[in-house]
Amino acid sequence: MARPRKPLLSRERIVETAGALVDAEGLDAVSTRRLAAELGVSGPSLYNHFRNKDEILDAVADALSARIDLSMFEEGDGRDWREALHDWAVSYRAVLADHPHVVPVLARGPGRRPAGLRVADAVFGAMVRAGWPPAQATYIGALMRYFITGSALGSFARGFVDDRDVYDSGDYPHLGQAHLLADRQEQVDEGAFETGLRALVDGLALQFELVRSAPKGR
């Protein structure tokens, strides 16, 4: 029998299959045995590409990091650091919103993941070029990751049930409309994210003016 022109297995195919499995069933659904069955190969063949499950999940997370728009941080893009930070955060959250089960892996930080490190490098470099001291630029990168990944870990609106009787006015006088939140999840969660993001960027802008007006060497 002639050998197939394309290899049966590749890193890309493993990552794609693992990502689909995580999206459908969550991180716990991924195992080398399950992946091998999904791919129609023997379990040991996966180890020609990845040493273990954690490496596979890291690769899935890095594939998502590669989808985050970084164009706003390129020199010559034209957006100032405030607008760039805002637009990047919106892009980042959009990627996470489409793949929420991967958020816990991304929330651990980039580690050795190339695309994740490119994200961190782009944010830090843009903030330093804008005039932030390196230490403050590091804090901004950390702050934004906390905020963005935190916003994607769960839904505020989904935390309320749609049963009006749960919110008795005698016990909860201000939650008379809480039963409507679940049906307005996207509006509430996106509105909350944008409100928080604007508050963060506006607050950083105030700090930036203090940094710029501080005596040199302080």
Protein backbone atom coordinates (compact mmCIF):
# COMPACT_ATOMS: atom_id res chain seq x y z
CA MET A 1 0.00 0.00 0.00
CA ALA A 2 1.31 3.43 -0.92
CA ARG A 3 2.25 5.66 1.97
CA PRO A 4 -0.06 8.66 2.54
CA ARG A 5 1.23 11.91 1.11
CA LYS A 6 0.41 13.76 4.32
CA PRO A 7 1.45 12.52 7.76
CA LEU A 8 -1.38 11.19 9.86
CA LEU A 9 -0.34 13.29 12.79
CA SER A 10 1.13 16.75 13.30
CA ARG A 11 1.40 19.29 16.11
CA GLU A 12 -1.17 21.45 14.36
CA ARG A 13 -3.69 18.63 14.08
CA ILE A 14 -3.22 17.67 17.74
CA VAL A 15 -3.67 21.28 18.88
CA GLU A 16 -6.74 21.78 16.72
CA THR A 17 -8.36 18.59 18.01
CA ALA A 18 -7.47 19.36 21.63
CA GLY A 19 -8.83 22.90 21.28
CA ALA A 20 -12.13 21.63 19.91
CA LEU A 21 -12.37 19.16 22.77
CA VAL A 22 -11.69 21.86 25.37
CA ASP A 23 -14.27 24.15 23.80
CA ALA A 24 -16.89 21.41 23.83
CA GLU A 25 -16.24 19.75 27.18
CA GLY A 26 -13.68 21.70 29.19
CA LEU A 27 -10.07 21.17 30.23
CA ASP A 28 -10.74 17.99 32.16
CA ALA A 29 -11.93 16.28 29.00
CA VAL A 30 -8.43 16.34 27.54
CA SER A 31 -6.22 13.33 28.05
CA THR A 32 -3.68 11.70 25.79
CA ARG A 33 -5.88 8.62 25.57
CA ARG A 34 -8.95 10.66 24.59
CA LEU A 35 -6.99 12.69 22.08
CA ALA A 36 -5.52 9.59 20.49
CA ALA A 37 -9.01 8.15 20.09
CA GLU A 38 -10.31 11.38 18.56
CA LEU A 39 -7.38 11.47 16.15
CA GLY A 40 -7.56 7.79 15.29
CA VAL A 41 -3.98 7.07 16.31
CA SER A 42 -2.20 5.17 19.04
CA GLY A 43 -1.57 6.98 22.32
CA PRO A 44 2.25 6.78 22.22
CA SER A 45 2.34 8.52 18.84
CA LEU A 46 1.32 11.78 20.54
CA TYR A 47 4.61 11.76 22.44
CA ASN A 48 6.48 12.29 19.19
CA HIS A 49 5.06 15.83 19.29
CA PHE A 50 4.32 16.62 22.95
CA ARG A 51 5.76 15.27 26.18
CA ASN A 52 2.50 15.38 28.14
CA LYS A 53 -1.01 16.78 28.43
CA ASP A 54 0.20 20.06 29.93
CA GLU A 55 2.33 20.77 26.87
CA ILE A 56 -0.69 20.16 24.66
CA LEU A 57 -2.85 22.56 26.67
CA ASP A 58 -0.06 25.14 26.59
CA ALA A 59 -0.03 24.85 22.81
CA VAL A 60 -3.80 25.28 22.67
CA ALA A 61 -3.53 28.40 24.81
CA ASP A 62 -0.70 29.76 22.68
CA ALA A 63 -2.72 29.24 19.50
CA LEU A 64 -5.37 31.49 21.02
CA SER A 65 -2.79 34.09 22.07
CA ALA A 66 -1.70 34.24 18.44
CA ARG A 67 -5.19 35.45 17.50
CA ILE A 68 -5.01 38.55 19.71
CA ASP A 69 -4.64 41.71 17.64
CA LEU A 70 -1.35 43.49 18.37
CA SER A 71 -1.35 45.87 15.43
CA MET A 72 -2.20 48.85 17.66
CA PHE A 73 1.17 48.52 19.38
CA GLU A 74 3.21 48.70 16.19
CA GLU A 75 5.28 51.83 15.72
CA GLY A 76 3.56 54.09 13.25
CA ASP A 77 0.08 52.71 13.91
CA GLY A 78 -1.10 56.15 15.02
CA ARG A 79 -3.08 55.24 18.13
CA ASP A 80 -1.80 56.70 21.39
CA TRP A 81 -1.13 54.38 24.28
CA ARG A 82 -4.60 54.88 25.81
CA GLU A 83 -6.47 53.94 22.65
CA ALA A 84 -4.03 51.12 21.92
CA LEU A 85 -4.47 49.64 25.38
CA HIS A 86 -8.24 49.85 25.06
CA ASP A 87 -8.40 48.28 21.59
CA TRP A 88 -5.99 45.51 22.54
CA ALA A 89 -8.03 44.66 25.63
CA VAL A 90 -11.21 44.43 23.54
CA SER A 91 -9.47 42.08 21.09
CA TYR A 92 -8.04 39.98 23.92
CA ARG A 93 -11.42 39.61 25.62
CA ALA A 94 -13.11 38.69 22.33
CA VAL A 95 -10.71 35.78 21.89
CA LEU A 96 -11.30 34.61 25.46
CA ALA A 97 -15.08 35.00 25.15
CA ASP A 98 -15.04 32.58 22.22
CA HIS A 99 -12.97 30.02 24.17
CA PRO A 100 -13.75 30.48 27.89
CA HIS A 101 -12.60 27.02 28.96
CA VAL A 102 -9.00 27.88 28.05
CA VAL A 103 -8.94 31.00 30.26
CA PRO A 104 -7.49 29.22 33.35
CA VAL A 105 -4.45 28.17 31.30
CA LEU A 106 -3.95 31.67 29.86
CA ALA A 107 -4.45 33.25 33.28
CA ARG A 108 -1.29 31.53 34.52
CA GLY A 109 0.78 33.78 32.28
CA PRO A 110 2.80 33.17 29.12
CA GLY A 111 5.45 30.89 30.60
CA ARG A 112 7.50 29.69 27.62
CA ARG A 113 4.70 30.11 25.06
CA PRO A 114 5.99 32.14 22.06
CA ALA A 115 2.73 33.89 21.13
CA GLY A 116 1.99 34.69 24.76
CA LEU A 117 5.45 36.19 25.16
CA ARG A 118 4.93 38.27 22.02
CA VAL A 119 1.77 39.70 23.58
CA ALA A 120 3.62 40.61 26.78
CA ASP A 121 6.51 42.08 24.81
CA ALA A 122 4.21 44.21 22.65
CA VAL A 123 2.32 45.68 25.61
CA PHE A 124 5.44 46.38 27.66
CA GLY A 125 7.32 47.87 24.71
CA ALA A 126 4.45 50.16 23.76
CA MET A 127 4.04 51.46 27.30
CA VAL A 128 7.77 52.20 27.64
CA ARG A 129 7.84 53.96 24.27
CA ALA A 130 4.88 56.06 25.40
CA GLY A 131 6.90 57.29 28.37
CA TRP A 132 5.98 54.97 31.21
CA PRO A 133 8.89 53.89 33.45
CA PRO A 134 9.67 50.18 32.96
CA ALA A 135 8.39 49.23 36.41
CA GLN A 136 5.07 50.96 35.79
CA ALA A 137 4.83 49.39 32.34
CA THR A 138 5.19 45.99 34.00
CA TYR A 139 2.42 46.84 36.46
CA ILE A 140 0.15 47.91 33.62
CA GLY A 141 0.68 44.63 31.79
CA ALA A 142 -0.12 42.70 34.95
CA LEU A 143 -3.15 44.85 35.75
CA MET A 144 -4.63 44.40 32.30
CA ARG A 145 -4.14 40.64 32.35
CA TYR A 146 -5.85 40.40 35.74
CA PHE A 147 -8.78 42.46 34.49
CA ILE A 148 -9.21 40.81 31.10
CA THR A 149 -8.84 37.19 32.18
CA GLY A 150 -10.93 37.83 35.29
CA SER A 151 -13.74 39.22 33.18
CA ALA A 152 -13.71 36.06 31.06
CA LEU A 153 -13.63 33.53 33.91
CA GLY A 154 -17.30 33.91 34.65
CA SER A 155 -20.45 35.82 33.84
CA PHE A 156 -21.91 38.25 36.38
CA ALA A 157 -25.30 38.11 34.69
CA ARG A 158 -25.39 34.30 34.61
CA GLY A 159 -24.91 34.27 38.36
CA PHE A 160 -28.54 35.30 38.86
CA VAL A 161 -31.43 32.91 38.27
CA ASP A 162 -34.47 33.92 36.25
CA ASP A 163 -36.93 33.12 39.07
CA ARG A 164 -38.54 36.33 40.35
CA ASP A 165 -39.56 34.61 43.60
CA VAL A 166 -35.93 34.21 44.67
CA TYR A 167 -35.57 37.97 45.08
CA ASP A 168 -38.16 38.67 47.76
CA SER A 169 -38.41 42.43 48.25
CA GLY A 170 -38.42 41.98 52.02
CA ASP A 171 -34.99 40.36 51.92
CA TYR A 172 -33.52 42.03 48.84
CA PRO A 173 -35.21 45.41 48.35
CA HIS A 174 -32.89 46.43 45.49
CA LEU A 175 -32.96 43.23 43.41
CA GLY A 176 -36.44 43.47 41.97
CA GLN A 177 -35.10 43.20 38.40
CA ALA A 178 -32.34 40.68 39.08
CA HIS A 179 -34.32 37.84 37.51
CA LEU A 180 -33.94 39.60 34.14
CA LEU A 181 -30.13 39.61 34.18
CA ALA A 182 -29.62 36.10 32.85
CA ASP A 183 -31.55 36.93 29.68
CA ARG A 184 -29.39 40.02 29.19
CA GLN A 185 -26.06 38.34 29.78
CA GLU A 186 -24.20 39.67 26.75
CA GLN A 187 -25.41 43.25 27.29
CA VAL A 188 -24.57 43.22 31.01
CA ASP A 189 -21.19 41.51 30.72
CA GLU A 190 -19.99 43.56 27.76
CA GLY A 191 -21.26 46.76 29.37
CA ALA A 192 -19.47 45.92 32.61
CA PHE A 193 -16.25 45.14 30.76
CA GLU A 194 -16.33 48.38 28.79
CA THR A 195 -17.15 50.41 31.92
CA GLY A 196 -14.27 48.85 33.83
CA LEU A 197 -11.88 49.17 30.91
CA ARG A 198 -12.65 52.86 30.47
CA ALA A 199 -12.20 53.42 34.19
CA LEU A 200 -8.82 51.67 34.12
CA VAL A 201 -7.53 53.56 31.11
CA ASP A 202 -8.80 56.91 32.41
CA GLY A 203 -7.21 56.23 35.78
CA LEU A 204 -3.91 55.32 34.14
CA ALA A 205 -4.07 58.52 32.12
CA LEU A 206 -4.23 60.51 35.35
CA GLN A 207 -1.26 58.59 36.74
CA PHE A 208 0.63 59.19 33.51
CA GLU A 209 0.33 62.94 33.93
CA LEU A 210 1.78 62.61 37.45
CA VAL A 211 4.64 60.51 36.09
CA ARG A 212 5.43 63.07 33.41
CA SER A 213 5.32 66.00 35.85
CA ALA A 214 7.43 64.33 38.54
CA PRO A 215 10.95 65.71 39.00
CA LYS A 216 13.60 63.75 37.10
CA GLY A 217 15.34 61.12 39.15
CA ARG A 218 12.47 60.78 41.58
